[in-house]
Amino acid sequence: MSTPFTRLNQVRATGHGLGLSIVKRIVEKLGGQVGVESDGVPGQGSSFFFTLPSAVNPTTSIADKADRLLDAAKMTGGGIQAGG
């Protein structure tokens, strides 16, 4: 998961392969961890998960977390949009 994109075979798949690396950067920026579970059997898939620490003081940490998310989005070249 540490490499932003590596296609192991020529299977036709949509997307750019960046989703997990972006998630990993954001989750780690927030003090969490990303993991994967797999039986190693081709074609059976894998399960990806993440954990985040609980906020010690939720009223002050929300702004800090928002700042970290914005920084992570800038780091990955992604954007954050609001509205509907």
PDB file of N, CA and C in Angstrom:
ATOM      1  N   MET A   1       0.804  -1.198   0.000  1.00  0.00           N
ATOM      2  CA  MET A   1       0.000   0.000   0.000  1.00  0.00           C
ATOM      3  C   MET A   1       0.849   1.265   0.000  1.00  0.00           C
ATOM      4  N   SER A   2       2.131   1.144   0.149  1.00  0.00           N
ATOM      5  CA  SER A   2       2.953   2.342   0.214  1.00  0.00           C
ATOM      6  C   SER A   2       3.302   2.885  -1.162  1.00  0.00           C
ATOM      7  N   THR A   3       3.140   2.102  -2.223  1.00  0.00           N
ATOM      8  CA  THR A   3       3.399   2.572  -3.575  1.00  0.00           C
ATOM      9  C   THR A   3       2.103   3.123  -4.148  1.00  0.00           C
ATOM     10  N   PRO A   4       2.115   4.369  -4.645  1.00  0.00           N
ATOM     11  CA  PRO A   4       0.873   4.961  -5.140  1.00  0.00           C
ATOM     12  C   PRO A   4       0.175   4.158  -6.234  1.00  0.00           C
ATOM     13  N   PHE A   5       0.918   3.539  -7.146  1.00  0.00           N
ATOM     14  CA  PHE A   5       0.251   2.762  -8.186  1.00  0.00           C
ATOM     15  C   PHE A   5       1.205   1.754  -8.799  1.00  0.00           C
ATOM     16  N   THR A   6       0.828   0.519  -8.755  1.00  0.00           N
ATOM     17  CA  THR A   6       1.557  -0.540  -9.444  1.00  0.00           C
ATOM     18  C   THR A   6       0.541  -1.558  -9.921  1.00  0.00           C
ATOM     19  N   ARG A   7       0.380  -1.696 -11.223  1.00  0.00           N
ATOM     20  CA  ARG A   7      -0.550  -2.685 -11.759  1.00  0.00           C
ATOM     21  C   ARG A   7       0.218  -3.983 -11.966  1.00  0.00           C
ATOM     22  N   LEU A   8      -0.224  -5.036 -11.311  1.00  0.00           N
ATOM     23  CA  LEU A   8       0.496  -6.297 -11.361  1.00  0.00           C
ATOM     24  C   LEU A   8       0.215  -7.105 -12.614  1.00  0.00           C
ATOM     25  N   ASN A   9      -0.936  -6.910 -13.210  1.00  0.00           N
ATOM     26  CA  ASN A   9      -1.250  -7.641 -14.435  1.00  0.00           C
ATOM     27  C   ASN A   9      -2.049  -6.732 -15.368  1.00  0.00           C
ATOM     28  N   GLN A  10      -2.392  -7.243 -16.494  1.00  0.00           N
ATOM     29  CA  GLN A  10      -3.066  -6.432 -17.514  1.00  0.00           C
ATOM     30  C   GLN A  10      -4.586  -6.589 -17.473  1.00  0.00           C
ATOM     31  N   VAL A  11      -5.151  -6.871 -16.320  1.00  0.00           N
ATOM     32  CA  VAL A  11      -6.591  -6.982 -16.180  1.00  0.00           C
ATOM     33  C   VAL A  11      -7.215  -5.619 -16.466  1.00  0.00           C
ATOM     34  N   ARG A  12      -8.291  -5.628 -17.222  1.00  0.00           N
ATOM     35  CA  ARG A  12      -8.961  -4.357 -17.507  1.00  0.00           C
ATOM     36  C   ARG A  12      -9.681  -3.892 -16.249  1.00  0.00           C
ATOM     37  N   ALA A  13      -9.258  -2.763 -15.761  1.00  0.00           N
ATOM     38  CA  ALA A  13      -9.860  -2.210 -14.554  1.00  0.00           C
ATOM     39  C   ALA A  13      -9.983  -0.707 -14.720  1.00  0.00           C
ATOM     40  N   THR A  14     -11.055  -0.156 -14.188  1.00  0.00           N
ATOM     41  CA  THR A  14     -11.228   1.287 -14.242  1.00  0.00           C
ATOM     42  C   THR A  14     -10.519   1.925 -13.067  1.00  0.00           C
ATOM     43  N   GLY A  15     -10.253   3.186 -13.166  1.00  0.00           N
ATOM     44  CA  GLY A  15      -9.605   3.918 -12.081  1.00  0.00           C
ATOM     45  C   GLY A  15      -8.121   4.091 -12.336  1.00  0.00           C
ATOM     46  N   HIS A  16      -7.502   4.821 -11.444  1.00  0.00           N
ATOM     47  CA  HIS A  16      -6.089   5.139 -11.585  1.00  0.00           C
ATOM     48  C   HIS A  16      -5.222   4.458 -10.540  1.00  0.00           C
ATOM     49  N   GLY A  17      -5.823   3.752  -9.593  1.00  0.00           N
ATOM     50  CA  GLY A  17      -5.050   3.053  -8.581  1.00  0.00           C
ATOM     51  C   GLY A  17      -4.497   3.958  -7.497  1.00  0.00           C
ATOM     52  N   LEU A  18      -5.098   5.121  -7.310  1.00  0.00           N
ATOM     53  CA  LEU A  18      -4.588   6.073  -6.324  1.00  0.00           C
ATOM     54  C   LEU A  18      -5.391   6.107  -5.034  1.00  0.00           C
ATOM     55  N   GLY A  19      -6.571   5.505  -5.020  1.00  0.00           N
ATOM     56  CA  GLY A  19      -7.470   5.607  -3.876  1.00  0.00           C
ATOM     57  C   GLY A  19      -6.859   5.181  -2.552  1.00  0.00           C
ATOM     58  N   LEU A  20      -6.241   4.010  -2.511  1.00  0.00           N
ATOM     59  CA  LEU A  20      -5.681   3.519  -1.252  1.00  0.00           C
ATOM     60  C   LEU A  20      -4.502   4.358  -0.780  1.00  0.00           C
ATOM     61  N   SER A  21      -3.673   4.826  -1.699  1.00  0.00           N
ATOM     62  CA  SER A  21      -2.532   5.637  -1.268  1.00  0.00           C
ATOM     63  C   SER A  21      -3.000   6.980  -0.722  1.00  0.00           C
ATOM     64  N   ILE A  22      -4.084   7.534  -1.288  1.00  0.00           N
ATOM     65  CA  ILE A  22      -4.638   8.789  -0.765  1.00  0.00           C
ATOM     66  C   ILE A  22      -5.244   8.558   0.614  1.00  0.00           C
ATOM     67  N   VAL A  23      -6.012   7.476   0.757  1.00  0.00           N
ATOM     68  CA  VAL A  23      -6.596   7.133   2.055  1.00  0.00           C
ATOM     69  C   VAL A  23      -5.488   6.949   3.088  1.00  0.00           C
ATOM     70  N   LYS A  24      -4.430   6.239   2.714  1.00  0.00           N
ATOM     71  CA  LYS A  24      -3.321   5.979   3.638  1.00  0.00           C
ATOM     72  C   LYS A  24      -2.689   7.284   4.111  1.00  0.00           C
ATOM     73  N   ARG A  25      -2.463   8.220   3.204  1.00  0.00           N
ATOM     74  CA  ARG A  25      -1.861   9.505   3.588  1.00  0.00           C
ATOM     75  C   ARG A  25      -2.766  10.288   4.543  1.00  0.00           C
ATOM     76  N   ILE A  26      -4.049  10.318   4.246  1.00  0.00           N
ATOM     77  CA  ILE A  26      -4.981  11.071   5.095  1.00  0.00           C
ATOM     78  C   ILE A  26      -5.100  10.421   6.468  1.00  0.00           C
ATOM     79  N   VAL A  27      -5.289   9.090   6.497  1.00  0.00           N
ATOM     80  CA  VAL A  27      -5.455   8.382   7.769  1.00  0.00           C
ATOM     81  C   VAL A  27      -4.199   8.519   8.629  1.00  0.00           C
ATOM     82  N   GLU A  28      -3.022   8.370   8.033  1.00  0.00           N
ATOM     83  CA  GLU A  28      -1.796   8.518   8.811  1.00  0.00           C
ATOM     84  C   GLU A  28      -1.602   9.948   9.289  1.00  0.00           C
ATOM     85  N   LYS A  29      -2.018  10.927   8.486  1.00  0.00           N
ATOM     86  CA  LYS A  29      -1.934  12.331   8.897  1.00  0.00           C
ATOM     87  C   LYS A  29      -2.808  12.581  10.130  1.00  0.00           C
ATOM     88  N   LEU A  30      -3.891  11.812  10.255  1.00  0.00           N
ATOM     89  CA  LEU A  30      -4.791  11.936  11.401  1.00  0.00           C
ATOM     90  C   LEU A  30      -4.388  11.019  12.559  1.00  0.00           C
ATOM     91  N   GLY A  31      -3.232  10.355  12.434  1.00  0.00           N
ATOM     92  CA  GLY A  31      -2.737   9.512  13.516  1.00  0.00           C
ATOM     93  C   GLY A  31      -3.240   8.087  13.498  1.00  0.00           C
ATOM     94  N   GLY A  32      -3.822   7.651  12.394  1.00  0.00           N
ATOM     95  CA  GLY A  32      -4.368   6.304  12.309  1.00  0.00           C
ATOM     96  C   GLY A  32      -3.491   5.369  11.501  1.00  0.00           C
ATOM     97  N   GLN A  33      -4.039   4.191  11.217  1.00  0.00           N
ATOM     98  CA  GLN A  33      -3.335   3.168  10.451  1.00  0.00           C
ATOM     99  C   GLN A  33      -4.275   2.549   9.427  1.00  0.00           C
ATOM    100  N   VAL A  34      -3.704   2.106   8.313  1.00  0.00           N
ATOM    101  CA  VAL A  34      -4.451   1.405   7.269  1.00  0.00           C
ATOM    102  C   VAL A  34      -3.890  -0.002   7.183  1.00  0.00           C
ATOM    103  N   GLY A  35      -4.765  -0.982   6.986  1.00  0.00           N
ATOM    104  CA  GLY A  35      -4.309  -2.362   6.903  1.00  0.00           C
ATOM    105  C   GLY A  35      -5.058  -3.134   5.840  1.00  0.00           C
ATOM    106  N   VAL A  36      -4.584  -4.336   5.576  1.00  0.00           N
ATOM    107  CA  VAL A  36      -5.208  -5.213   4.587  1.00  0.00           C
ATOM    108  C   VAL A  36      -5.196  -6.648   5.114  1.00  0.00           C
ATOM    109  N   GLU A  37      -6.264  -7.369   4.802  1.00  0.00           N
ATOM    110  CA  GLU A  37      -6.344  -8.792   5.120  1.00  0.00           C
ATOM    111  C   GLU A  37      -6.644  -9.536   3.828  1.00  0.00           C
ATOM    112  N   SER A  38      -5.897 -10.616   3.586  1.00  0.00           N
ATOM    113  CA  SER A  38      -6.093 -11.396   2.375  1.00  0.00           C
ATOM    114  C   SER A  38      -5.695 -12.835   2.638  1.00  0.00           C
ATOM    115  N   ASP A  39      -6.407 -13.756   2.009  1.00  0.00           N
ATOM    116  CA  ASP A  39      -6.042 -15.170   2.094  1.00  0.00           C
ATOM    117  C   ASP A  39      -4.950 -15.506   1.088  1.00  0.00           C
ATOM    118  N   GLY A  40      -4.630 -14.569   0.204  1.00  0.00           N
ATOM    119  CA  GLY A  40      -3.601 -14.810  -0.794  1.00  0.00           C
ATOM    120  C   GLY A  40      -4.059 -15.689  -1.943  1.00  0.00           C
ATOM    121  N   VAL A  41      -5.373 -15.874  -2.072  1.00  0.00           N
ATOM    122  CA  VAL A  41      -5.922 -16.696  -3.150  1.00  0.00           C
ATOM    123  C   VAL A  41      -6.349 -15.770  -4.280  1.00  0.00           C
ATOM    124  N   PRO A  42      -5.739 -15.907  -5.458  1.00  0.00           N
ATOM    125  CA  PRO A  42      -6.118 -15.043  -6.588  1.00  0.00           C
ATOM    126  C   PRO A  42      -7.610 -15.128  -6.882  1.00  0.00           C
ATOM    127  N   GLY A  43      -8.197 -13.969  -7.127  1.00  0.00           N
ATOM    128  CA  GLY A  43      -9.612 -13.901  -7.460  1.00  0.00           C
ATOM    129  C   GLY A  43     -10.549 -13.856  -6.276  1.00  0.00           C
ATOM    130  N   GLN A  44     -10.032 -14.000  -5.049  1.00  0.00           N
ATOM    131  CA  GLN A  44     -10.881 -14.008  -3.862  1.00  0.00           C
ATOM    132  C   GLN A  44     -11.004 -12.645  -3.210  1.00  0.00           C
ATOM    133  N   GLY A  45     -10.206 -11.691  -3.632  1.00  0.00           N
ATOM    134  CA  GLY A  45     -10.306 -10.344  -3.082  1.00  0.00           C
ATOM    135  C   GLY A  45      -9.589 -10.179  -1.757  1.00  0.00           C
ATOM    136  N   SER A  46      -9.605  -8.958  -1.286  1.00  0.00           N
ATOM    137  CA  SER A  46      -8.955  -8.599  -0.028  1.00  0.00           C
ATOM    138  C   SER A  46      -9.844  -7.615   0.713  1.00  0.00           C
ATOM    139  N   SER A  47      -9.633  -7.502   2.004  1.00  0.00           N
ATOM    140  CA  SER A  47     -10.363  -6.530   2.826  1.00  0.00           C
ATOM    141  C   SER A  47      -9.379  -5.467   3.304  1.00  0.00           C
ATOM    142  N   PHE A  48      -9.727  -4.222   3.090  1.00  0.00           N
ATOM    143  CA  PHE A  48      -8.912  -3.102   3.535  1.00  0.00           C
ATOM    144  C   PHE A  48      -9.648  -2.406   4.669  1.00  0.00           C
ATOM    145  N   PHE A  49      -8.904  -1.924   5.658  1.00  0.00           N
ATOM    146  CA  PHE A  49      -9.533  -1.263   6.798  1.00  0.00           C
ATOM    147  C   PHE A  49      -8.620  -0.164   7.303  1.00  0.00           C
ATOM    148  N   PHE A  50      -9.203   0.717   8.106  1.00  0.00           N
ATOM    149  CA  PHE A  50      -8.392   1.748   8.751  1.00  0.00           C
ATOM    150  C   PHE A  50      -8.902   1.984  10.156  1.00  0.00           C
ATOM    151  N   THR A  51      -8.021   2.469  11.002  1.00  0.00           N
ATOM    152  CA  THR A  51      -8.378   2.837  12.365  1.00  0.00           C
ATOM    153  C   THR A  51      -7.917   4.262  12.611  1.00  0.00           C
ATOM    154  N   LEU A  52      -8.676   4.969  13.411  1.00  0.00           N
ATOM    155  CA  LEU A  52      -8.337   6.338  13.791  1.00  0.00           C
ATOM    156  C   LEU A  52      -8.406   6.450  15.310  1.00  0.00           C
ATOM    157  N   PRO A  53      -7.527   7.249  15.895  1.00  0.00           N
ATOM    158  CA  PRO A  53      -7.605   7.433  17.347  1.00  0.00           C
ATOM    159  C   PRO A  53      -8.840   8.259  17.699  1.00  0.00           C
ATOM    160  N   SER A  54      -9.383   8.022  18.874  1.00  0.00           N
ATOM    161  CA  SER A  54     -10.522   8.829  19.311  1.00  0.00           C
ATOM    162  C   SER A  54     -10.005  10.183  19.779  1.00  0.00           C
ATOM    163  N   ALA A  55     -10.832  11.184  19.652  1.00  0.00           N
ATOM    164  CA  ALA A  55     -10.447  12.545  20.029  1.00  0.00           C
ATOM    165  C   ALA A  55     -10.447  12.671  21.555  1.00  0.00           C
ATOM    166  N   VAL A  56      -9.404  13.257  22.098  1.00  0.00           N
ATOM    167  CA  VAL A  56      -9.323  13.490  23.540  1.00  0.00           C
ATOM    168  C   VAL A  56     -10.245  14.638  23.909  1.00  0.00           C
ATOM    169  N   ASN A  57     -10.234  15.686  23.119  1.00  0.00           N
ATOM    170  CA  ASN A  57     -11.088  16.842  23.341  1.00  0.00           C
ATOM    171  C   ASN A  57     -11.752  17.195  22.015  1.00  0.00           C
ATOM    172  N   PRO A  58     -12.938  16.642  21.736  1.00  0.00           N
ATOM    173  CA  PRO A  58     -13.578  16.802  20.439  1.00  0.00           C
ATOM    174  C   PRO A  58     -13.833  18.246  20.025  1.00  0.00           C
ATOM    175  N   THR A  59     -14.056  19.148  20.966  1.00  0.00           N
ATOM    176  CA  THR A  59     -14.383  20.520  20.585  1.00  0.00           C
ATOM    177  C   THR A  59     -13.192  21.268  20.002  1.00  0.00           C
ATOM    178  N   THR A  60     -11.989  20.934  20.418  1.00  0.00           N
ATOM    179  CA  THR A  60     -10.823  21.617  19.869  1.00  0.00           C
ATOM    180  C   THR A  60     -10.160  20.827  18.743  1.00  0.00           C
ATOM    181  N   SER A  61     -10.373  19.527  18.684  1.00  0.00           N
ATOM    182  CA  SER A  61      -9.663  18.736  17.683  1.00  0.00           C
ATOM    183  C   SER A  61     -10.353  18.725  16.321  1.00  0.00           C
ATOM    184  N   ILE A  62     -11.618  19.110  16.229  1.00  0.00           N
ATOM    185  CA  ILE A  62     -12.314  19.116  14.943  1.00  0.00           C
ATOM    186  C   ILE A  62     -11.628  20.073  13.971  1.00  0.00           C
ATOM    187  N   ALA A  63     -11.287  21.264  14.423  1.00  0.00           N
ATOM    188  CA  ALA A  63     -10.607  22.231  13.556  1.00  0.00           C
ATOM    189  C   ALA A  63      -9.229  21.712  13.157  1.00  0.00           C
ATOM    190  N   ASP A  64      -8.518  21.096  14.098  1.00  0.00           N
ATOM    191  CA  ASP A  64      -7.202  20.539  13.789  1.00  0.00           C
ATOM    192  C   ASP A  64      -7.313  19.437  12.733  1.00  0.00           C
ATOM    193  N   LYS A  65      -8.304  18.560  12.869  1.00  0.00           N
ATOM    194  CA  LYS A  65      -8.489  17.482  11.909  1.00  0.00           C
ATOM    195  C   LYS A  65      -8.852  18.036  10.534  1.00  0.00           C
ATOM    196  N   ALA A  66      -9.683  19.063  10.497  1.00  0.00           N
ATOM    197  CA  ALA A  66     -10.041  19.678   9.216  1.00  0.00           C
ATOM    198  C   ALA A  66      -8.799  20.265   8.548  1.00  0.00           C
ATOM    199  N   ASP A  67      -7.944  20.918   9.316  1.00  0.00           N
ATOM    200  CA  ASP A  67      -6.703  21.464   8.765  1.00  0.00           C
ATOM    201  C   ASP A  67      -5.809  20.357   8.223  1.00  0.00           C
ATOM    202  N   ARG A  68      -5.723  19.243   8.938  1.00  0.00           N
ATOM    203  CA  ARG A  68      -4.895  18.118   8.490  1.00  0.00           C
ATOM    204  C   ARG A  68      -5.448  17.521   7.204  1.00  0.00           C
ATOM    205  N   LEU A  69      -6.774  17.407   7.098  1.00  0.00           N
ATOM    206  CA  LEU A  69      -7.376  16.883   5.873  1.00  0.00           C
ATOM    207  C   LEU A  69      -7.085  17.788   4.690  1.00  0.00           C
ATOM    208  N   LEU A  70      -7.193  19.092   4.903  1.00  0.00           N
ATOM    209  CA  LEU A  70      -6.893  20.034   3.824  1.00  0.00           C
ATOM    210  C   LEU A  70      -5.434  19.934   3.415  1.00  0.00           C
ATOM    211  N   ASP A  71      -4.541  19.816   4.380  1.00  0.00           N
ATOM    212  CA  ASP A  71      -3.121  19.656   4.076  1.00  0.00           C
ATOM    213  C   ASP A  71      -2.877  18.367   3.295  1.00  0.00           C
ATOM    214  N   ALA A  72      -3.536  17.287   3.689  1.00  0.00           N
ATOM    215  CA  ALA A  72      -3.364  16.000   3.000  1.00  0.00           C
ATOM    216  C   ALA A  72      -3.897  16.085   1.573  1.00  0.00           C
ATOM    217  N   ALA A  73      -5.007  16.781   1.377  1.00  0.00           N
ATOM    218  CA  ALA A  73      -5.565  16.937   0.036  1.00  0.00           C
ATOM    219  C   ALA A  73      -4.600  17.724  -0.846  1.00  0.00           C
ATOM    220  N   LYS A  74      -3.972  18.747  -0.289  1.00  0.00           N
ATOM    221  CA  LYS A  74      -2.994  19.530  -1.052  1.00  0.00           C
ATOM    222  C   LYS A  74      -1.787  18.669  -1.398  1.00  0.00           C
ATOM    223  N   MET A  75      -1.363  17.807  -0.452  1.00  0.00           N
ATOM    224  CA  MET A  75      -0.209  16.934  -0.648  1.00  0.00           C
ATOM    225  C   MET A  75      -0.441  15.956  -1.806  1.00  0.00           C
ATOM    226  N   THR A  76      -1.674  15.483  -1.956  1.00  0.00           N
ATOM    227  CA  THR A  76      -1.975  14.481  -2.973  1.00  0.00           C
ATOM    228  C   THR A  76      -2.464  15.118  -4.261  1.00  0.00           C
ATOM    229  N   GLY A  77      -2.617  16.426  -4.292  1.00  0.00           N
ATOM    230  CA  GLY A  77      -3.110  17.079  -5.490  1.00  0.00           C
ATOM    231  C   GLY A  77      -4.627  16.993  -5.612  1.00  0.00           C
ATOM    232  N   GLY A  78      -5.270  16.496  -4.576  1.00  0.00           N
ATOM    233  CA  GLY A  78      -6.720  16.358  -4.591  1.00  0.00           C
ATOM    234  C   GLY A  78      -7.398  17.643  -4.157  1.00  0.00           C
ATOM    235  N   GLY A  79      -8.669  17.708  -4.346  1.00  0.00           N
ATOM    236  CA  GLY A  79      -9.424  18.881  -3.940  1.00  0.00           C
ATOM    237  C   GLY A  79     -10.569  18.476  -3.055  1.00  0.00           C
ATOM    238  N   ILE A  80     -11.010  19.390  -2.259  1.00  0.00           N
ATOM    239  CA  ILE A  80     -12.169  19.158  -1.417  1.00  0.00           C
ATOM    240  C   ILE A  80     -13.219  20.176  -1.811  1.00  0.00           C
ATOM    241  N   GLN A  81     -14.413  19.696  -2.109  1.00  0.00           N
ATOM    242  CA  GLN A  81     -15.490  20.583  -2.534  1.00  0.00           C
ATOM    243  C   GLN A  81     -16.610  20.504  -1.519  1.00  0.00           C
ATOM    244  N   ALA A  82     -17.290  21.601  -1.340  1.00  0.00           N
ATOM    245  CA  ALA A  82     -18.438  21.625  -0.436  1.00  0.00           C
ATOM    246  C   ALA A  82     -19.651  22.066  -1.243  1.00  0.00           C
ATOM    247  N   GLY A  83     -20.796  21.775  -0.719  1.00  0.00           N
ATOM    248  CA  GLY A  83     -22.012  22.210  -1.384  1.00  0.00           C
ATOM    249  C   GLY A  83     -22.833  21.033  -1.872  1.00  0.00           C
ATOM    250  N   GLY A  84     -23.920  21.342  -2.574  1.00  0.00           N
ATOM    251  CA  GLY A  84     -24.778  20.249  -3.010  1.00  0.00           C
ATOM    252  C   GLY A  84     -25.281  20.361  -4.354  1.00  0.00           C
TER     253      GLY A  84
END
